[in-house]
Amino acid sequence: MFTGIVETLGVVEHVQEKQANLEFSIKADFIEELEVDQSIAHNGVCLTIETLCLDYYTVTAIKETIGKTNLAEINAGDRINLERCLKANSRLDGHIVQGHVDQTAACKNIVEENGSWIFTFEYQKQHKNYLVEKGSVCINGVSLTLVNVSENSFSTAIIPYTFEHTNFHLLQIEDLVNLEFDILGKYVERVLGNRR
């Protein structure tokens, strides 16, 4: 489990196709604290460390994961948001995040507003029940608050700290981001659906 509070920006050193999978070699400033089999959220995607080297580690994304995320768009040199899994005695500063991406969304607009930024994303409208204004959504592994939710788009406000310390400052129009909707909304929908 994660919180959507990004710890650091990792640098993708290498991307290699392995049959239907993609293997990523990633540099991170907490490399000395990592162990094989640990889970790390990469742009919001939970992947397991397979090997550790002096200055990078490797993870593999399978076909199912690649098809639902923006990992196929990642290239060597790209910077990705990284978060290690939540410790049992840690504060939940963001919201409950599983690292299981529901879909990608396209960035449609970026507006600077005197030191903060408003990002607008277009998403698949069949998921509209999961998004409520002032609710939470995880975008590229970042826990954010929703504003201006419509039928198939929503906006979120980015403060300077988040803009600088995540890859939001690298996003451009039409870039794809990973979305994970609030797990609480999914459970509520399932319970109500069963009652019907």
C-alpha atoms as a PDB file:
ATOM      1  CA  MET A   1       0.000   0.000   0.000  1.00  0.00           C
ATOM      2  CA  PHE A   2       1.102   3.558  -0.744  1.00  0.00           C
ATOM      3  CA  THR A   3       0.018   7.090   0.142  1.00  0.00           C
ATOM      4  CA  GLY A   4       0.586   9.042  -3.057  1.00  0.00           C
ATOM      5  CA  ILE A   5       3.347  11.107  -1.445  1.00  0.00           C
ATOM      6  CA  VAL A   6       6.257  10.900  -3.888  1.00  0.00           C
ATOM      7  CA  GLU A   7       9.645  10.389  -2.234  1.00  0.00           C
ATOM      8  CA  THR A   8      11.940  11.122  -5.135  1.00  0.00           C
ATOM      9  CA  LEU A   9      12.272  11.326  -8.889  1.00  0.00           C
ATOM     10  CA  GLY A  10      14.009   8.287 -10.330  1.00  0.00           C
ATOM     11  CA  VAL A  11      15.894   8.305 -13.615  1.00  0.00           C
ATOM     12  CA  VAL A  12      15.255   5.539 -16.128  1.00  0.00           C
ATOM     13  CA  GLU A  13      18.646   4.240 -17.223  1.00  0.00           C
ATOM     14  CA  HIS A  14      17.505   1.535 -19.625  1.00  0.00           C
ATOM     15  CA  VAL A  15      14.323  -0.032 -21.017  1.00  0.00           C
ATOM     16  CA  GLN A  16      14.507  -3.515 -22.470  1.00  0.00           C
ATOM     17  CA  GLU A  17      11.842  -5.656 -24.122  1.00  0.00           C
ATOM     18  CA  LYS A  18      11.725  -9.195 -22.761  1.00  0.00           C
ATOM     19  CA  GLN A  19       9.151 -11.145 -24.749  1.00  0.00           C
ATOM     20  CA  ALA A  20       5.837  -9.365 -23.962  1.00  0.00           C
ATOM     21  CA  ASN A  21       7.298  -7.621 -20.918  1.00  0.00           C
ATOM     22  CA  LEU A  22       9.350  -4.476 -20.317  1.00  0.00           C
ATOM     23  CA  GLU A  23      12.310  -4.409 -17.944  1.00  0.00           C
ATOM     24  CA  PHE A  24      13.295  -1.034 -16.492  1.00  0.00           C
ATOM     25  CA  SER A  25      16.645  -0.139 -14.921  1.00  0.00           C
ATOM     26  CA  ILE A  26      16.185   2.807 -12.573  1.00  0.00           C
ATOM     27  CA  LYS A  27      18.484   5.058 -10.571  1.00  0.00           C
ATOM     28  CA  ALA A  28      17.133   6.392  -7.271  1.00  0.00           C
ATOM     29  CA  ASP A  29      18.720   8.313  -4.418  1.00  0.00           C
ATOM     30  CA  PHE A  30      17.451   5.757  -1.861  1.00  0.00           C
ATOM     31  CA  ILE A  31      19.119   2.816  -3.651  1.00  0.00           C
ATOM     32  CA  GLU A  32      21.170   1.858  -0.559  1.00  0.00           C
ATOM     33  CA  GLU A  33      17.985   1.326   1.463  1.00  0.00           C
ATOM     34  CA  LEU A  34      16.355  -1.052  -1.026  1.00  0.00           C
ATOM     35  CA  GLU A  35      16.101  -4.827  -1.011  1.00  0.00           C
ATOM     36  CA  VAL A  36      15.123  -7.382  -3.629  1.00  0.00           C
ATOM     37  CA  ASP A  37      11.351  -8.174  -3.465  1.00  0.00           C
ATOM     38  CA  GLN A  38      10.398  -4.705  -2.188  1.00  0.00           C
ATOM     39  CA  SER A  39       7.452  -2.954  -3.810  1.00  0.00           C
ATOM     40  CA  ILE A  40       7.866   0.534  -5.238  1.00  0.00           C
ATOM     41  CA  ALA A  41       5.294   2.693  -7.007  1.00  0.00           C
ATOM     42  CA  HIS A  42       6.647   3.903 -10.364  1.00  0.00           C
ATOM     43  CA  ASN A  43       4.436   6.726 -11.659  1.00  0.00           C
ATOM     44  CA  GLY A  44       1.805   5.062  -9.485  1.00  0.00           C
ATOM     45  CA  VAL A  45       2.432   1.517 -10.749  1.00  0.00           C
ATOM     46  CA  CYS A  46       3.426  -1.018  -8.077  1.00  0.00           C
ATOM     47  CA  LEU A  47       6.422  -3.028  -9.332  1.00  0.00           C
ATOM     48  CA  THR A  48       8.703  -5.445  -7.485  1.00  0.00           C
ATOM     49  CA  ILE A  49      12.478  -4.999  -7.307  1.00  0.00           C
ATOM     50  CA  GLU A  50      14.114  -7.945  -9.066  1.00  0.00           C
ATOM     51  CA  THR A  51      17.808  -7.080  -8.995  1.00  0.00           C
ATOM     52  CA  LEU A  52      19.957  -4.528  -7.216  1.00  0.00           C
ATOM     53  CA  CYS A  53      23.201  -3.129  -8.596  1.00  0.00           C
ATOM     54  CA  LEU A  54      25.543  -0.455  -7.272  1.00  0.00           C
ATOM     55  CA  ASP A  55      23.612   2.518  -8.622  1.00  0.00           C
ATOM     56  CA  TYR A  56      20.371   1.125 -10.096  1.00  0.00           C
ATOM     57  CA  TYR A  57      17.703  -1.537  -9.642  1.00  0.00           C
ATOM     58  CA  THR A  58      15.512  -3.403 -12.117  1.00  0.00           C
ATOM     59  CA  VAL A  59      11.772  -4.063 -12.265  1.00  0.00           C
ATOM     60  CA  THR A  60       9.590  -5.756 -14.866  1.00  0.00           C
ATOM     61  CA  ALA A  61       6.152  -4.749 -16.113  1.00  0.00           C
ATOM     62  CA  ILE A  62       4.053  -7.512 -17.664  1.00  0.00           C
ATOM     63  CA  LYS A  63       1.780  -7.152 -20.686  1.00  0.00           C
ATOM     64  CA  GLU A  64      -1.354  -6.544 -18.558  1.00  0.00           C
ATOM     65  CA  THR A  65       0.342  -3.686 -16.701  1.00  0.00           C
ATOM     66  CA  ILE A  66       1.803  -2.164 -19.858  1.00  0.00           C
ATOM     67  CA  GLY A  67      -1.633  -2.095 -21.488  1.00  0.00           C
ATOM     68  CA  LYS A  68      -3.279  -0.172 -18.636  1.00  0.00           C
ATOM     69  CA  THR A  69      -0.522   2.324 -17.851  1.00  0.00           C
ATOM     70  CA  ASN A  70       1.815   4.837 -19.465  1.00  0.00           C
ATOM     71  CA  LEU A  71       4.862   2.616 -18.956  1.00  0.00           C
ATOM     72  CA  ALA A  72       5.067   1.860 -22.694  1.00  0.00           C
ATOM     73  CA  GLU A  73       5.734   5.595 -23.186  1.00  0.00           C
ATOM     74  CA  ILE A  74       8.715   5.617 -20.814  1.00  0.00           C
ATOM     75  CA  ASN A  75      12.179   5.934 -22.359  1.00  0.00           C
ATOM     76  CA  ALA A  76      15.755   5.992 -21.099  1.00  0.00           C
ATOM     77  CA  GLY A  77      16.470   9.366 -19.518  1.00  0.00           C
ATOM     78  CA  ASP A  78      12.891   9.946 -18.365  1.00  0.00           C
ATOM     79  CA  ARG A  79      12.224  10.890 -14.757  1.00  0.00           C
ATOM     80  CA  ILE A  80       9.526   8.987 -12.893  1.00  0.00           C
ATOM     81  CA  ASN A  81       7.815   9.460  -9.534  1.00  0.00           C
ATOM     82  CA  LEU A  82       8.908   6.908  -6.942  1.00  0.00           C
ATOM     83  CA  GLU A  83       7.364   5.954  -3.602  1.00  0.00           C
ATOM     84  CA  ARG A  84       8.268   3.036  -1.392  1.00  0.00           C
ATOM     85  CA  CYS A  85       5.429   1.120   0.265  1.00  0.00           C
ATOM     86  CA  LEU A  86       3.872   2.459   3.452  1.00  0.00           C
ATOM     87  CA  LYS A  87       5.256   1.328   6.812  1.00  0.00           C
ATOM     88  CA  ALA A  88       2.664   0.202   9.371  1.00  0.00           C
ATOM     89  CA  ASN A  89       3.713   2.967  11.797  1.00  0.00           C
ATOM     90  CA  SER A  90       3.746   5.788   9.226  1.00  0.00           C
ATOM     91  CA  ARG A  91       1.339   8.699   8.852  1.00  0.00           C
ATOM     92  CA  LEU A  92      -1.088   8.439   5.952  1.00  0.00           C
ATOM     93  CA  ASP A  93      -0.316  11.890   4.536  1.00  0.00           C
ATOM     94  CA  GLY A  94      -2.012  11.387   1.159  1.00  0.00           C
ATOM     95  CA  HIS A  95      -4.759   8.797   0.738  1.00  0.00           C
ATOM     96  CA  ILE A  96      -4.922   5.013   0.418  1.00  0.00           C
ATOM     97  CA  VAL A  97      -3.218   4.060  -2.854  1.00  0.00           C
ATOM     98  CA  GLN A  98      -2.756   0.477  -4.029  1.00  0.00           C
ATOM     99  CA  GLY A  99      -0.427   1.021  -6.949  1.00  0.00           C
ATOM    100  CA  HIS A 100      -3.007  -0.569  -9.280  1.00  0.00           C
ATOM    101  CA  VAL A 101      -3.646   1.827 -12.151  1.00  0.00           C
ATOM    102  CA  ASP A 102      -7.224   1.925 -13.475  1.00  0.00           C
ATOM    103  CA  GLN A 103      -6.580   3.759 -16.739  1.00  0.00           C
ATOM    104  CA  THR A 104      -4.491   6.413 -18.413  1.00  0.00           C
ATOM    105  CA  ALA A 105      -5.675   9.969 -19.025  1.00  0.00           C
ATOM    106  CA  ALA A 106      -4.434  12.630 -21.438  1.00  0.00           C
ATOM    107  CA  CYS A 107      -3.280  16.024 -20.206  1.00  0.00           C
ATOM    108  CA  LYS A 108      -5.431  18.589 -22.033  1.00  0.00           C
ATOM    109  CA  ASN A 109      -4.506  21.901 -20.439  1.00  0.00           C
ATOM    110  CA  ILE A 110      -1.900  23.457 -18.144  1.00  0.00           C
ATOM    111  CA  VAL A 111      -2.488  26.910 -16.703  1.00  0.00           C
ATOM    112  CA  GLU A 112      -0.111  28.763 -14.382  1.00  0.00           C
ATOM    113  CA  GLU A 113      -1.914  30.835 -11.765  1.00  0.00           C
ATOM    114  CA  ASN A 114       0.492  33.078  -9.882  1.00  0.00           C
ATOM    115  CA  GLY A 115       2.746  30.364  -8.519  1.00  0.00           C
ATOM    116  CA  SER A 116       0.449  27.345  -8.732  1.00  0.00           C
ATOM    117  CA  TRP A 117      -0.722  25.313 -11.700  1.00  0.00           C
ATOM    118  CA  ILE A 118      -4.066  23.916 -12.863  1.00  0.00           C
ATOM    119  CA  PHE A 119      -3.804  20.686 -14.857  1.00  0.00           C
ATOM    120  CA  THR A 120      -6.800  19.353 -16.777  1.00  0.00           C
ATOM    121  CA  PHE A 121      -7.072  15.706 -17.801  1.00  0.00           C
ATOM    122  CA  GLU A 122      -9.466  13.818 -20.044  1.00  0.00           C
ATOM    123  CA  TYR A 123     -10.484  10.341 -18.896  1.00  0.00           C
ATOM    124  CA  GLN A 124     -12.891   7.538 -19.827  1.00  0.00           C
ATOM    125  CA  LYS A 125     -16.330   8.655 -18.707  1.00  0.00           C
ATOM    126  CA  GLN A 126     -17.432   5.186 -17.590  1.00  0.00           C
ATOM    127  CA  HIS A 127     -15.340   5.890 -14.488  1.00  0.00           C
ATOM    128  CA  LYS A 128     -17.050   9.198 -13.679  1.00  0.00           C
ATOM    129  CA  ASN A 129     -18.647   7.813 -10.485  1.00  0.00           C
ATOM    130  CA  TYR A 130     -15.205   7.502  -8.905  1.00  0.00           C
ATOM    131  CA  LEU A 131     -14.434  11.212  -9.197  1.00  0.00           C
ATOM    132  CA  VAL A 132     -16.040  13.821  -6.956  1.00  0.00           C
ATOM    133  CA  GLU A 133     -15.007  17.422  -6.424  1.00  0.00           C
ATOM    134  CA  LYS A 134     -12.703  17.776  -3.431  1.00  0.00           C
ATOM    135  CA  GLY A 135     -12.213  14.006  -3.488  1.00  0.00           C
ATOM    136  CA  SER A 136      -8.913  12.225  -4.057  1.00  0.00           C
ATOM    137  CA  VAL A 137      -7.282  10.765  -7.148  1.00  0.00           C
ATOM    138  CA  CYS A 138      -3.783   9.409  -7.736  1.00  0.00           C
ATOM    139  CA  ILE A 139      -2.081  10.811 -10.857  1.00  0.00           C
ATOM    140  CA  ASN A 140       1.302   9.331 -11.807  1.00  0.00           C
ATOM    141  CA  GLY A 141       1.610   8.212  -8.194  1.00  0.00           C
ATOM    142  CA  VAL A 142       0.745  11.614  -6.694  1.00  0.00           C
ATOM    143  CA  SER A 143      -2.188  11.966  -4.289  1.00  0.00           C
ATOM    144  CA  LEU A 144      -4.194  14.992  -5.428  1.00  0.00           C
ATOM    145  CA  THR A 145      -7.496  16.757  -4.780  1.00  0.00           C
ATOM    146  CA  LEU A 146     -10.038  17.026  -7.571  1.00  0.00           C
ATOM    147  CA  VAL A 147     -11.597  20.255  -8.797  1.00  0.00           C
ATOM    148  CA  ASN A 148     -13.948  20.972 -11.713  1.00  0.00           C
ATOM    149  CA  VAL A 149     -15.045  17.393 -12.362  1.00  0.00           C
ATOM    150  CA  SER A 150     -17.135  16.956 -15.537  1.00  0.00           C
ATOM    151  CA  GLU A 151     -18.447  14.066 -17.641  1.00  0.00           C
ATOM    152  CA  ASN A 152     -15.065  13.041 -19.010  1.00  0.00           C
ATOM    153  CA  SER A 153     -12.522  15.514 -17.640  1.00  0.00           C
ATOM    154  CA  PHE A 154     -11.300  16.949 -14.363  1.00  0.00           C
ATOM    155  CA  SER A 155      -8.769  19.447 -13.089  1.00  0.00           C
ATOM    156  CA  THR A 156      -6.416  19.463 -10.158  1.00  0.00           C
ATOM    157  CA  ALA A 157      -4.366  22.241  -8.587  1.00  0.00           C
ATOM    158  CA  ILE A 158      -0.630  21.705  -8.124  1.00  0.00           C
ATOM    159  CA  ILE A 159       1.258  23.619  -5.450  1.00  0.00           C
ATOM    160  CA  PRO A 160       4.861  24.734  -6.099  1.00  0.00           C
ATOM    161  CA  TYR A 161       6.411  21.995  -3.920  1.00  0.00           C
ATOM    162  CA  THR A 162       4.566  19.209  -5.756  1.00  0.00           C
ATOM    163  CA  PHE A 163       5.293  20.801  -9.135  1.00  0.00           C
ATOM    164  CA  GLU A 164       9.014  20.929  -8.405  1.00  0.00           C
ATOM    165  CA  HIS A 165       9.461  17.559  -6.638  1.00  0.00           C
ATOM    166  CA  THR A 166       7.449  15.348  -9.007  1.00  0.00           C
ATOM    167  CA  ASN A 167       7.420  14.956 -12.765  1.00  0.00           C
ATOM    168  CA  PHE A 168       4.465  17.337 -13.081  1.00  0.00           C
ATOM    169  CA  HIS A 169       6.929  20.038 -14.156  1.00  0.00           C
ATOM    170  CA  LEU A 170       7.815  17.835 -17.145  1.00  0.00           C
ATOM    171  CA  LEU A 171       4.247  17.129 -18.297  1.00  0.00           C
ATOM    172  CA  GLN A 172       3.133  18.508 -21.640  1.00  0.00           C
ATOM    173  CA  ILE A 173      -0.197  18.668 -23.453  1.00  0.00           C
ATOM    174  CA  GLU A 174      -1.338  15.210 -24.672  1.00  0.00           C
ATOM    175  CA  ASP A 175       1.062  13.362 -22.371  1.00  0.00           C
ATOM    176  CA  LEU A 176      -0.516  10.293 -20.800  1.00  0.00           C
ATOM    177  CA  VAL A 177      -0.664   9.927 -17.028  1.00  0.00           C
ATOM    178  CA  ASN A 178      -1.658   6.986 -14.848  1.00  0.00           C
ATOM    179  CA  LEU A 179      -4.891   7.272 -12.873  1.00  0.00           C
ATOM    180  CA  GLU A 180      -5.829   5.273  -9.809  1.00  0.00           C
ATOM    181  CA  PHE A 181      -9.270   6.087  -8.444  1.00  0.00           C
ATOM    182  CA  ASP A 182     -10.036   6.124  -4.733  1.00  0.00           C
ATOM    183  CA  ILE A 183     -10.452   2.530  -3.517  1.00  0.00           C
ATOM    184  CA  LEU A 184     -13.223   3.620  -1.130  1.00  0.00           C
ATOM    185  CA  GLY A 185     -15.370   4.721  -4.073  1.00  0.00           C
ATOM    186  CA  LYS A 186     -14.849   1.359  -5.781  1.00  0.00           C
ATOM    187  CA  TYR A 187     -15.968  -0.557  -2.698  1.00  0.00           C
ATOM    188  CA  VAL A 188     -19.036   1.645  -2.229  1.00  0.00           C
ATOM    189  CA  GLU A 189     -20.045   1.102  -5.874  1.00  0.00           C
ATOM    190  CA  ARG A 190     -19.600  -2.673  -5.511  1.00  0.00           C
ATOM    191  CA  VAL A 191     -21.682  -2.838  -2.328  1.00  0.00           C
ATOM    192  CA  LEU A 192     -24.478  -0.722  -3.813  1.00  0.00           C
ATOM    193  CA  GLY A 193     -24.381  -2.771  -7.006  1.00  0.00           C
ATOM    194  CA  ASN A 194     -24.795  -6.007  -5.051  1.00  0.00           C
ATOM    195  CA  ARG A 195     -27.806  -4.581  -3.190  1.00  0.00           C
ATOM    196  CA  ARG A 196     -29.552  -3.834  -6.462  1.00  0.00           C
END
